[in-house]
Amino acid sequence: MDWTLEVVLVPVRDVDRAVEFYRDQVGFHLDHHTTTEQMDIAQLTPPGSGCSIVVGNLPAHREMAPGSLRGLQLVVADARAAREELLSRGVEVSGITVIDERDGGTVFGFSDPDGNSWVVQELRARAGRPLIPPEHRL
C-alpha cells in the first residue's frame, strides 16, 4: 500500500501575504484560493512536487502559532542555481552549507514572512530523474 504525503498546513498571519510570498517570490503554483464566510485558505504546490502547502484559517491552522514550522524541506537538482533564483526574486536566503560532499549534502535555507523555516537540499540525481517527470505534471 502506498502512503503519500499530499498536503502540509503552514500557519501564517495573513493569507494574502503568504500567497504573494510563496507564489510570486518562491515560485510555487497557486492551485486555488478559496474564501467563504467560514474560511480563507490557499493551496500552493512547488514545481515538480506531489505535495502542496495550505495556508489559511482552518481549525488546525488556528492550533499552530504563525511561523512555528521549522525545517520544511524542498529538494532541487542545483542548490546554487535555486539560491540565485530566490535571491533574484527578493527572498532572503542563507549561505550554502556543504555538510557532506556526497549528493544530498549541500543545503541552504530561507524563512517566510511569518518565520516558518525551509531547508533546500541539493540532490543532483534529480536533474536526470525528477520525482515527477515533466510529462506527468499538472
N, C-alpha and C. Protein backbone atom coordinates (compact mmCIF):
# COMPACT_ATOMS: atom_id res chain seq x y z
N MET A 1 0.84 -1.17 0.00
CA MET A 1 0.00 0.00 0.00
C MET A 1 0.88 1.24 0.00
N ASP A 2 0.62 2.20 -0.91
CA ASP A 2 1.33 3.47 -0.93
C ASP A 2 0.72 4.42 0.09
N TRP A 3 1.58 5.20 0.72
CA TRP A 3 1.14 6.26 1.62
C TRP A 3 1.82 7.53 1.11
N THR A 4 1.06 8.44 0.57
CA THR A 4 1.66 9.65 0.00
C THR A 4 1.32 10.85 0.86
N LEU A 5 2.31 11.69 1.07
CA LEU A 5 2.08 12.95 1.75
C LEU A 5 1.61 13.94 0.70
N GLU A 6 0.44 14.49 0.86
CA GLU A 6 -0.16 15.35 -0.16
C GLU A 6 -0.21 16.82 0.24
N VAL A 7 -0.42 17.11 1.53
CA VAL A 7 -0.61 18.50 1.97
C VAL A 7 0.04 18.70 3.33
N VAL A 8 0.69 19.85 3.49
CA VAL A 8 1.23 20.28 4.77
C VAL A 8 0.60 21.63 5.08
N LEU A 9 0.01 21.76 6.27
CA LEU A 9 -0.57 23.03 6.69
C LEU A 9 0.54 23.93 7.23
N VAL A 10 0.58 25.15 6.74
CA VAL A 10 1.59 26.12 7.15
C VAL A 10 0.87 27.28 7.84
N PRO A 11 1.14 27.50 9.13
CA PRO A 11 0.45 28.56 9.85
C PRO A 11 1.03 29.95 9.55
N VAL A 12 0.15 30.85 9.12
CA VAL A 12 0.56 32.22 8.78
C VAL A 12 -0.44 33.21 9.36
N ARG A 13 -0.02 34.46 9.48
CA ARG A 13 -0.90 35.51 9.99
C ARG A 13 -1.82 36.05 8.91
N ASP A 14 -1.29 36.19 7.69
CA ASP A 14 -2.01 36.87 6.60
C ASP A 14 -1.97 35.98 5.36
N VAL A 15 -3.12 35.45 4.97
CA VAL A 15 -3.17 34.52 3.84
C VAL A 15 -2.73 35.20 2.55
N ASP A 16 -3.21 36.41 2.30
CA ASP A 16 -2.84 37.11 1.06
C ASP A 16 -1.34 37.34 0.98
N ARG A 17 -0.73 37.75 2.08
CA ARG A 17 0.72 37.97 2.10
C ARG A 17 1.46 36.66 1.87
N ALA A 18 0.97 35.58 2.47
CA ALA A 18 1.61 34.27 2.28
C ALA A 18 1.51 33.83 0.82
N VAL A 19 0.35 34.04 0.20
CA VAL A 19 0.19 33.69 -1.22
C VAL A 19 1.17 34.49 -2.06
N GLU A 20 1.27 35.77 -1.81
CA GLU A 20 2.22 36.60 -2.57
C GLU A 20 3.64 36.09 -2.40
N PHE A 21 4.03 35.74 -1.19
CA PHE A 21 5.39 35.26 -0.95
C PHE A 21 5.63 33.94 -1.65
N TYR A 22 4.80 32.95 -1.38
CA TYR A 22 5.04 31.61 -1.94
C TYR A 22 4.85 31.56 -3.45
N ARG A 23 3.89 32.30 -3.98
CA ARG A 23 3.66 32.28 -5.43
C ARG A 23 4.65 33.19 -6.16
N ASP A 24 4.73 34.44 -5.75
CA ASP A 24 5.49 35.43 -6.51
C ASP A 24 6.97 35.43 -6.22
N GLN A 25 7.36 35.09 -5.01
CA GLN A 25 8.78 35.12 -4.68
C GLN A 25 9.42 33.74 -4.72
N VAL A 26 8.76 32.75 -4.13
CA VAL A 26 9.36 31.41 -4.10
C VAL A 26 9.07 30.65 -5.39
N GLY A 27 7.94 30.93 -6.03
CA GLY A 27 7.65 30.31 -7.32
C GLY A 27 6.71 29.12 -7.27
N PHE A 28 6.00 28.94 -6.15
CA PHE A 28 5.01 27.87 -6.06
C PHE A 28 3.84 28.20 -6.98
N HIS A 29 3.15 27.16 -7.44
CA HIS A 29 1.94 27.33 -8.25
C HIS A 29 0.75 27.48 -7.31
N LEU A 30 -0.09 28.50 -7.53
CA LEU A 30 -1.30 28.68 -6.74
C LEU A 30 -2.38 27.75 -7.32
N ASP A 31 -2.71 26.70 -6.59
CA ASP A 31 -3.72 25.74 -7.04
C ASP A 31 -5.12 26.32 -6.88
N HIS A 32 -5.37 26.94 -5.75
CA HIS A 32 -6.65 27.63 -5.52
C HIS A 32 -6.54 28.52 -4.29
N HIS A 33 -7.36 29.55 -4.27
CA HIS A 33 -7.52 30.42 -3.11
C HIS A 33 -9.02 30.54 -2.91
N THR A 34 -9.51 29.95 -1.83
CA THR A 34 -10.94 29.86 -1.57
C THR A 34 -11.30 30.68 -0.34
N THR A 35 -12.22 31.59 -0.52
CA THR A 35 -12.67 32.43 0.58
C THR A 35 -14.19 32.30 0.69
N THR A 36 -14.66 31.94 1.86
CA THR A 36 -16.09 31.89 2.15
C THR A 36 -16.30 32.61 3.48
N GLU A 37 -17.54 32.61 3.95
CA GLU A 37 -17.80 33.21 5.27
C GLU A 37 -17.10 32.43 6.38
N GLN A 38 -16.86 31.14 6.16
CA GLN A 38 -16.27 30.29 7.19
C GLN A 38 -14.75 30.15 7.09
N MET A 39 -14.18 30.40 5.92
CA MET A 39 -12.75 30.14 5.79
C MET A 39 -12.10 30.98 4.70
N ASP A 40 -10.79 31.07 4.81
CA ASP A 40 -9.94 31.68 3.79
C ASP A 40 -8.70 30.79 3.72
N ILE A 41 -8.60 30.00 2.64
CA ILE A 41 -7.46 29.09 2.50
C ILE A 41 -6.91 29.17 1.09
N ALA A 42 -5.63 28.88 0.96
CA ALA A 42 -4.98 28.82 -0.34
C ALA A 42 -4.07 27.60 -0.35
N GLN A 43 -4.10 26.89 -1.47
CA GLN A 43 -3.22 25.73 -1.65
C GLN A 43 -2.21 26.07 -2.72
N LEU A 44 -0.94 25.84 -2.43
CA LEU A 44 0.16 26.13 -3.35
C LEU A 44 1.06 24.91 -3.45
N THR A 45 1.59 24.67 -4.65
CA THR A 45 2.43 23.50 -4.88
C THR A 45 3.76 23.90 -5.50
N PRO A 46 4.88 23.44 -4.92
CA PRO A 46 6.18 23.70 -5.54
C PRO A 46 6.25 23.01 -6.92
N PRO A 47 6.90 23.64 -7.89
CA PRO A 47 7.05 22.99 -9.20
C PRO A 47 7.68 21.61 -9.07
N GLY A 48 7.07 20.61 -9.68
CA GLY A 48 7.61 19.26 -9.66
C GLY A 48 7.28 18.46 -8.42
N SER A 49 6.50 19.02 -7.50
CA SER A 49 6.20 18.34 -6.25
C SER A 49 4.84 17.65 -6.28
N GLY A 50 4.72 16.56 -5.56
CA GLY A 50 3.45 15.90 -5.37
C GLY A 50 2.78 16.32 -4.07
N CYS A 51 3.44 17.18 -3.32
CA CYS A 51 2.92 17.65 -2.04
C CYS A 51 2.74 19.16 -2.09
N SER A 52 1.63 19.62 -1.57
CA SER A 52 1.30 21.04 -1.55
C SER A 52 1.35 21.57 -0.12
N ILE A 53 1.31 22.90 -0.01
CA ILE A 53 1.10 23.53 1.29
C ILE A 53 -0.26 24.20 1.25
N VAL A 54 -0.88 24.32 2.42
CA VAL A 54 -2.12 25.06 2.56
C VAL A 54 -1.91 26.09 3.66
N VAL A 55 -2.18 27.34 3.31
CA VAL A 55 -2.16 28.44 4.28
C VAL A 55 -3.60 28.89 4.47
N GLY A 56 -3.94 29.33 5.66
CA GLY A 56 -5.31 29.78 5.87
C GLY A 56 -5.72 29.76 7.31
N ASN A 57 -7.03 29.62 7.50
CA ASN A 57 -7.57 29.68 8.86
C ASN A 57 -8.45 28.48 9.19
N LEU A 58 -8.07 27.30 8.72
CA LEU A 58 -8.77 26.09 9.11
C LEU A 58 -8.56 25.86 10.62
N PRO A 59 -9.41 25.07 11.25
CA PRO A 59 -9.22 24.83 12.69
C PRO A 59 -7.81 24.36 13.04
N ALA A 60 -7.22 23.48 12.24
CA ALA A 60 -5.87 23.01 12.54
C ALA A 60 -4.84 24.14 12.43
N HIS A 61 -5.05 25.07 11.49
CA HIS A 61 -4.16 26.23 11.39
C HIS A 61 -4.19 27.04 12.69
N ARG A 62 -5.39 27.21 13.22
CA ARG A 62 -5.55 28.05 14.42
C ARG A 62 -4.92 27.42 15.66
N GLU A 63 -4.63 26.12 15.60
CA GLU A 63 -3.97 25.45 16.73
C GLU A 63 -2.46 25.64 16.71
N MET A 64 -1.92 26.16 15.61
CA MET A 64 -0.48 26.37 15.48
C MET A 64 -0.18 27.86 15.46
N ALA A 65 0.90 28.26 16.08
CA ALA A 65 1.29 29.66 16.04
C ALA A 65 1.88 29.99 14.68
N PRO A 66 1.50 31.14 14.08
CA PRO A 66 2.12 31.53 12.81
C PRO A 66 3.64 31.53 12.95
N GLY A 67 4.30 30.93 11.98
CA GLY A 67 5.76 30.89 12.00
C GLY A 67 6.35 29.76 12.81
N SER A 68 5.53 28.82 13.28
CA SER A 68 6.04 27.79 14.18
C SER A 68 6.61 26.55 13.48
N LEU A 69 6.43 26.43 12.17
CA LEU A 69 7.01 25.27 11.47
C LEU A 69 8.49 25.49 11.21
N ARG A 70 9.26 24.45 11.39
CA ARG A 70 10.71 24.53 11.22
C ARG A 70 11.19 23.41 10.31
N GLY A 71 12.08 23.75 9.40
CA GLY A 71 12.81 22.75 8.64
C GLY A 71 12.01 22.02 7.57
N LEU A 72 10.93 22.63 7.08
CA LEU A 72 10.27 22.03 5.92
C LEU A 72 11.32 21.92 4.83
N GLN A 73 11.30 20.83 4.08
CA GLN A 73 12.40 20.60 3.15
C GLN A 73 11.95 20.55 1.70
N LEU A 74 12.66 21.29 0.88
CA LEU A 74 12.50 21.26 -0.57
C LEU A 74 13.76 20.64 -1.15
N VAL A 75 13.63 19.93 -2.26
CA VAL A 75 14.78 19.31 -2.91
C VAL A 75 14.90 19.84 -4.32
N VAL A 76 16.12 20.21 -4.70
CA VAL A 76 16.41 20.74 -6.04
C VAL A 76 17.63 20.02 -6.60
N ALA A 77 17.78 20.08 -7.92
CA ALA A 77 18.94 19.45 -8.56
C ALA A 77 20.20 20.30 -8.43
N ASP A 78 20.04 21.61 -8.23
CA ASP A 78 21.17 22.53 -8.18
C ASP A 78 20.90 23.61 -7.12
N ALA A 79 21.50 23.46 -5.96
CA ALA A 79 21.25 24.38 -4.85
C ALA A 79 21.72 25.80 -5.17
N ARG A 80 22.86 25.94 -5.83
CA ARG A 80 23.37 27.27 -6.13
C ARG A 80 22.43 28.01 -7.08
N ALA A 81 21.94 27.32 -8.10
CA ALA A 81 21.00 27.94 -9.04
C ALA A 81 19.69 28.29 -8.34
N ALA A 82 19.21 27.40 -7.48
CA ALA A 82 17.97 27.66 -6.75
C ALA A 82 18.13 28.85 -5.82
N ARG A 83 19.27 28.92 -5.16
CA ARG A 83 19.54 30.05 -4.26
C ARG A 83 19.55 31.36 -5.04
N GLU A 84 20.23 31.38 -6.18
CA GLU A 84 20.29 32.59 -7.00
C GLU A 84 18.90 32.99 -7.50
N GLU A 85 18.08 32.00 -7.86
CA GLU A 85 16.73 32.29 -8.32
C GLU A 85 15.91 32.96 -7.21
N LEU A 86 16.01 32.42 -5.99
CA LEU A 86 15.28 33.02 -4.88
C LEU A 86 15.80 34.42 -4.57
N LEU A 87 17.10 34.60 -4.58
CA LEU A 87 17.67 35.92 -4.36
C LEU A 87 17.16 36.92 -5.40
N SER A 88 17.08 36.49 -6.65
CA SER A 88 16.62 37.39 -7.72
C SER A 88 15.16 37.77 -7.54
N ARG A 89 14.42 36.99 -6.79
CA ARG A 89 13.00 37.28 -6.52
C ARG A 89 12.80 37.99 -5.19
N GLY A 90 13.91 38.36 -4.53
CA GLY A 90 13.82 39.12 -3.30
C GLY A 90 13.66 38.31 -2.03
N VAL A 91 13.94 37.01 -2.09
CA VAL A 91 13.85 36.17 -0.90
C VAL A 91 15.19 36.21 -0.17
N GLU A 92 15.14 36.45 1.15
CA GLU A 92 16.36 36.40 1.95
C GLU A 92 16.70 34.94 2.20
N VAL A 93 17.91 34.55 1.82
CA VAL A 93 18.34 33.15 1.96
C VAL A 93 19.66 33.10 2.71
N SER A 94 19.91 31.95 3.32
CA SER A 94 21.20 31.75 3.99
C SER A 94 22.24 31.41 2.94
N GLY A 95 23.47 31.32 3.39
CA GLY A 95 24.53 30.85 2.51
C GLY A 95 24.42 29.35 2.29
N ILE A 96 25.15 28.88 1.30
CA ILE A 96 25.22 27.45 1.01
C ILE A 96 26.09 26.78 2.08
N THR A 97 25.61 25.65 2.60
CA THR A 97 26.39 24.84 3.54
C THR A 97 26.59 23.47 2.92
N VAL A 98 27.84 23.03 2.89
CA VAL A 98 28.13 21.68 2.41
C VAL A 98 28.41 20.83 3.65
N ILE A 99 27.44 20.02 4.00
CA ILE A 99 27.56 19.14 5.16
C ILE A 99 28.38 17.92 4.81
N ASP A 100 28.21 17.47 3.56
CA ASP A 100 28.87 16.27 3.07
C ASP A 100 29.03 16.44 1.56
N GLU A 101 30.15 16.06 1.01
CA GLU A 101 30.40 16.20 -0.42
C GLU A 101 29.54 15.27 -1.28
N ARG A 102 29.02 14.22 -0.66
CA ARG A 102 28.16 13.30 -1.41
C ARG A 102 26.85 13.99 -1.80
N ASP A 103 26.18 13.46 -2.80
CA ASP A 103 24.91 14.02 -3.24
C ASP A 103 23.93 14.06 -2.07
N GLY A 104 23.29 15.18 -1.88
CA GLY A 104 22.37 15.35 -0.78
C GLY A 104 22.95 16.11 0.40
N GLY A 105 24.24 16.42 0.36
CA GLY A 105 24.89 17.06 1.49
C GLY A 105 25.03 18.56 1.39
N THR A 106 24.43 19.18 0.36
CA THR A 106 24.53 20.63 0.18
C THR A 106 23.16 21.25 0.42
N VAL A 107 23.10 22.26 1.31
CA VAL A 107 21.83 22.86 1.69
C VAL A 107 21.95 24.37 1.87
N PHE A 108 20.80 25.03 1.84
CA PHE A 108 20.68 26.42 2.29
C PHE A 108 19.26 26.58 2.82
N GLY A 109 18.96 27.72 3.41
CA GLY A 109 17.64 27.90 3.99
C GLY A 109 17.05 29.27 3.73
N PHE A 110 15.75 29.36 4.02
CA PHE A 110 15.04 30.63 3.98
C PHE A 110 13.83 30.52 4.88
N SER A 111 13.22 31.65 5.20
CA SER A 111 12.00 31.69 6.01
C SER A 111 10.95 32.52 5.31
N ASP A 112 9.68 32.21 5.59
CA ASP A 112 8.61 33.03 5.04
C ASP A 112 8.43 34.26 5.93
N PRO A 113 7.57 35.20 5.57
CA PRO A 113 7.41 36.42 6.36
C PRO A 113 7.00 36.19 7.82
N ASP A 114 6.40 35.04 8.12
CA ASP A 114 6.00 34.75 9.50
C ASP A 114 7.08 34.02 10.28
N GLY A 115 8.10 33.52 9.60
CA GLY A 115 9.18 32.81 10.28
C GLY A 115 9.16 31.30 10.11
N ASN A 116 8.20 30.76 9.36
CA ASN A 116 8.25 29.32 9.05
C ASN A 116 9.53 29.09 8.25
N SER A 117 10.34 28.11 8.66
CA SER A 117 11.64 27.95 8.02
C SER A 117 11.67 26.76 7.08
N TRP A 118 12.46 26.93 6.03
CA TRP A 118 12.61 25.94 4.97
C TRP A 118 14.08 25.61 4.77
N VAL A 119 14.36 24.37 4.44
CA VAL A 119 15.69 23.92 4.05
C VAL A 119 15.59 23.49 2.59
N VAL A 120 16.54 23.92 1.79
CA VAL A 120 16.60 23.50 0.40
C VAL A 120 17.82 22.59 0.27
N GLN A 121 17.59 21.35 -0.12
CA GLN A 121 18.64 20.35 -0.22
C GLN A 121 18.91 20.04 -1.69
N GLU A 122 20.17 19.97 -2.02
CA GLU A 122 20.57 19.61 -3.39
C GLU A 122 20.69 18.11 -3.52
N LEU A 123 19.94 17.55 -4.47
CA LEU A 123 20.12 16.17 -4.90
C LEU A 123 20.36 16.22 -6.40
N ARG A 124 21.64 16.18 -6.79
CA ARG A 124 21.98 16.30 -8.21
C ARG A 124 21.33 15.20 -9.05
N ALA A 125 21.07 14.05 -8.44
CA ALA A 125 20.45 12.94 -9.16
C ALA A 125 19.07 13.32 -9.69
N ARG A 126 18.42 14.31 -9.09
CA ARG A 126 17.09 14.72 -9.54
C ARG A 126 17.12 15.41 -10.90
N ALA A 127 18.28 15.88 -11.32
CA ALA A 127 18.36 16.55 -12.63
C ALA A 127 18.00 15.58 -13.74
N GLY A 128 18.47 14.35 -13.65
CA GLY A 128 18.20 13.36 -14.67
C GLY A 128 17.01 12.46 -14.37
N ARG A 129 16.62 12.44 -13.09
CA ARG A 129 15.50 11.60 -12.67
C ARG A 129 14.59 12.38 -11.73
N PRO A 130 13.79 13.31 -12.28
CA PRO A 130 12.90 14.07 -11.40
C PRO A 130 11.87 13.14 -10.75
N LEU A 131 11.46 13.50 -9.55
CA LEU A 131 10.48 12.70 -8.82
C LEU A 131 9.18 12.57 -9.62
N ILE A 132 8.72 13.66 -10.19
CA ILE A 132 7.55 13.64 -11.07
C ILE A 132 8.02 14.13 -12.43
N PRO A 133 8.07 13.25 -13.43
CA PRO A 133 8.54 13.66 -14.75
C PRO A 133 7.68 14.79 -15.32
N PRO A 134 8.28 15.70 -16.09
CA PRO A 134 7.55 16.86 -16.63
C PRO A 134 6.25 16.48 -17.36
N GLU A 135 6.24 15.35 -18.05
CA GLU A 135 5.04 14.97 -18.81
C GLU A 135 3.87 14.55 -17.89
N HIS A 136 4.14 14.33 -16.59
CA HIS A 136 3.08 13.95 -15.65
C HIS A 136 2.68 15.09 -14.73
N ARG A 137 3.24 16.26 -14.93
CA ARG A 137 2.91 17.40 -14.06
C ARG A 137 1.64 18.08 -14.57
N LEU A 138 0.91 18.62 -13.63
CA LEU A 138 -0.31 19.35 -13.98
C LEU A 138 0.01 20.72 -14.48
